[in-house]
Amino acid sequence: MADKQGQDSQRRRTPPNVNPNVPPLMPQNLPPHQSLRQTQQQMTQMQDYIRQAQARDYQL
């Protein structure tokens, strides 16, 4: 069955492929009490932890 535009009215358009669970990019989604400096410090701590883990794996 065709509608006024000549398209199949039974067929629905495909919704856009958007994942609603993806948070916006940093630093816009920081909580008000958390500064960018704190997150950089946390990132440095994480990098140090990763380096230690890699060094441990390398020694095995």
C-alpha atoms as a PDB file:
ATOM      1  CA  MET A   1       0.000   0.000   0.000  1.00  0.00           C
ATOM      2  CA  ALA A   2       1.476   3.358  -1.055  1.00  0.00           C
ATOM      3  CA  ASP A   3       0.833   6.661   0.709  1.00  0.00           C
ATOM      4  CA  LYS A   4       0.724  10.198  -0.760  1.00  0.00           C
ATOM      5  CA  GLN A   5       4.481  10.343  -1.328  1.00  0.00           C
ATOM      6  CA  GLY A   6       4.392   7.015  -3.117  1.00  0.00           C
ATOM      7  CA  GLN A   7       6.242   5.262  -0.308  1.00  0.00           C
ATOM      8  CA  ASP A   8       5.256   2.068   1.406  1.00  0.00           C
ATOM      9  CA  SER A   9       3.288   3.197   4.467  1.00  0.00           C
ATOM     10  CA  GLN A  10       3.705  -0.192   6.170  1.00  0.00           C
ATOM     11  CA  ARG A  11       7.468   0.176   6.282  1.00  0.00           C
ATOM     12  CA  ARG A  12       8.956   2.096   9.180  1.00  0.00           C
ATOM     13  CA  ARG A  13      12.063   4.217   8.882  1.00  0.00           C
ATOM     14  CA  THR A  14      15.132   2.798  10.573  1.00  0.00           C
ATOM     15  CA  PRO A  15      15.958   4.770  13.724  1.00  0.00           C
ATOM     16  CA  PRO A  16      19.389   6.406  13.827  1.00  0.00           C
ATOM     17  CA  ASN A  17      22.118   4.212  15.266  1.00  0.00           C
ATOM     18  CA  VAL A  18      22.785   6.124  18.487  1.00  0.00           C
ATOM     19  CA  ASN A  19      23.857   4.513  21.744  1.00  0.00           C
ATOM     20  CA  PRO A  20      22.065   6.440  24.530  1.00  0.00           C
ATOM     21  CA  ASN A  21      24.454   5.097  27.192  1.00  0.00           C
ATOM     22  CA  VAL A  22      27.532   6.939  25.888  1.00  0.00           C
ATOM     23  CA  PRO A  23      28.356   9.869  28.185  1.00  0.00           C
ATOM     24  CA  PRO A  24      29.562  13.150  26.665  1.00  0.00           C
ATOM     25  CA  LEU A  25      33.299  13.642  26.356  1.00  0.00           C
ATOM     26  CA  MET A  26      35.342  14.994  29.251  1.00  0.00           C
ATOM     27  CA  PRO A  27      35.534  17.544  30.823  1.00  0.00           C
ATOM     28  CA  GLN A  28      31.912  18.605  30.293  1.00  0.00           C
ATOM     29  CA  ASN A  29      30.527  15.654  32.254  1.00  0.00           C
ATOM     30  CA  LEU A  30      32.628  16.255  35.383  1.00  0.00           C
ATOM     31  CA  PRO A  31      30.661  16.567  38.616  1.00  0.00           C
ATOM     32  CA  PRO A  32      30.792  20.127  40.000  1.00  0.00           C
ATOM     33  CA  HIS A  33      32.963  19.113  42.950  1.00  0.00           C
ATOM     34  CA  GLN A  34      35.581  17.381  40.802  1.00  0.00           C
ATOM     35  CA  SER A  35      38.154  19.535  39.057  1.00  0.00           C
ATOM     36  CA  LEU A  36      40.067  18.724  35.889  1.00  0.00           C
ATOM     37  CA  ARG A  37      43.269  18.739  37.957  1.00  0.00           C
ATOM     38  CA  GLN A  38      41.986  15.850  40.087  1.00  0.00           C
ATOM     39  CA  THR A  39      41.170  13.800  37.035  1.00  0.00           C
ATOM     40  CA  GLN A  40      44.636  14.413  35.588  1.00  0.00           C
ATOM     41  CA  GLN A  41      46.110  13.219  38.881  1.00  0.00           C
ATOM     42  CA  GLN A  42      43.941  10.115  38.759  1.00  0.00           C
ATOM     43  CA  MET A  43      45.055   9.527  35.166  1.00  0.00           C
ATOM     44  CA  THR A  44      48.707   9.766  36.222  1.00  0.00           C
ATOM     45  CA  GLN A  45      48.085   7.270  39.025  1.00  0.00           C
ATOM     46  CA  MET A  46      46.420   4.916  36.551  1.00  0.00           C
ATOM     47  CA  GLN A  47      49.341   5.227  34.111  1.00  0.00           C
ATOM     48  CA  ASP A  48      51.794   4.467  36.929  1.00  0.00           C
ATOM     49  CA  TYR A  49      49.752   1.399  37.876  1.00  0.00           C
ATOM     50  CA  ILE A  50      49.731   0.200  34.266  1.00  0.00           C
ATOM     51  CA  ARG A  51      53.498   0.689  33.972  1.00  0.00           C
ATOM     52  CA  GLN A  52      54.055  -1.323  37.164  1.00  0.00           C
ATOM     53  CA  ALA A  53      51.817  -4.110  35.885  1.00  0.00           C
ATOM     54  CA  GLN A  54      53.636  -4.153  32.537  1.00  0.00           C
ATOM     55  CA  ALA A  55      57.016  -4.260  34.306  1.00  0.00           C
ATOM     56  CA  ARG A  56      55.792  -7.172  36.436  1.00  0.00           C
ATOM     57  CA  ASP A  57      54.575  -9.034  33.350  1.00  0.00           C
ATOM     58  CA  TYR A  58      57.846  -8.339  31.556  1.00  0.00           C
ATOM     59  CA  GLN A  59      59.860  -9.853  34.418  1.00  0.00           C
ATOM     60  CA  LEU A  60      57.898 -13.111  34.321  1.00  0.00           C
END
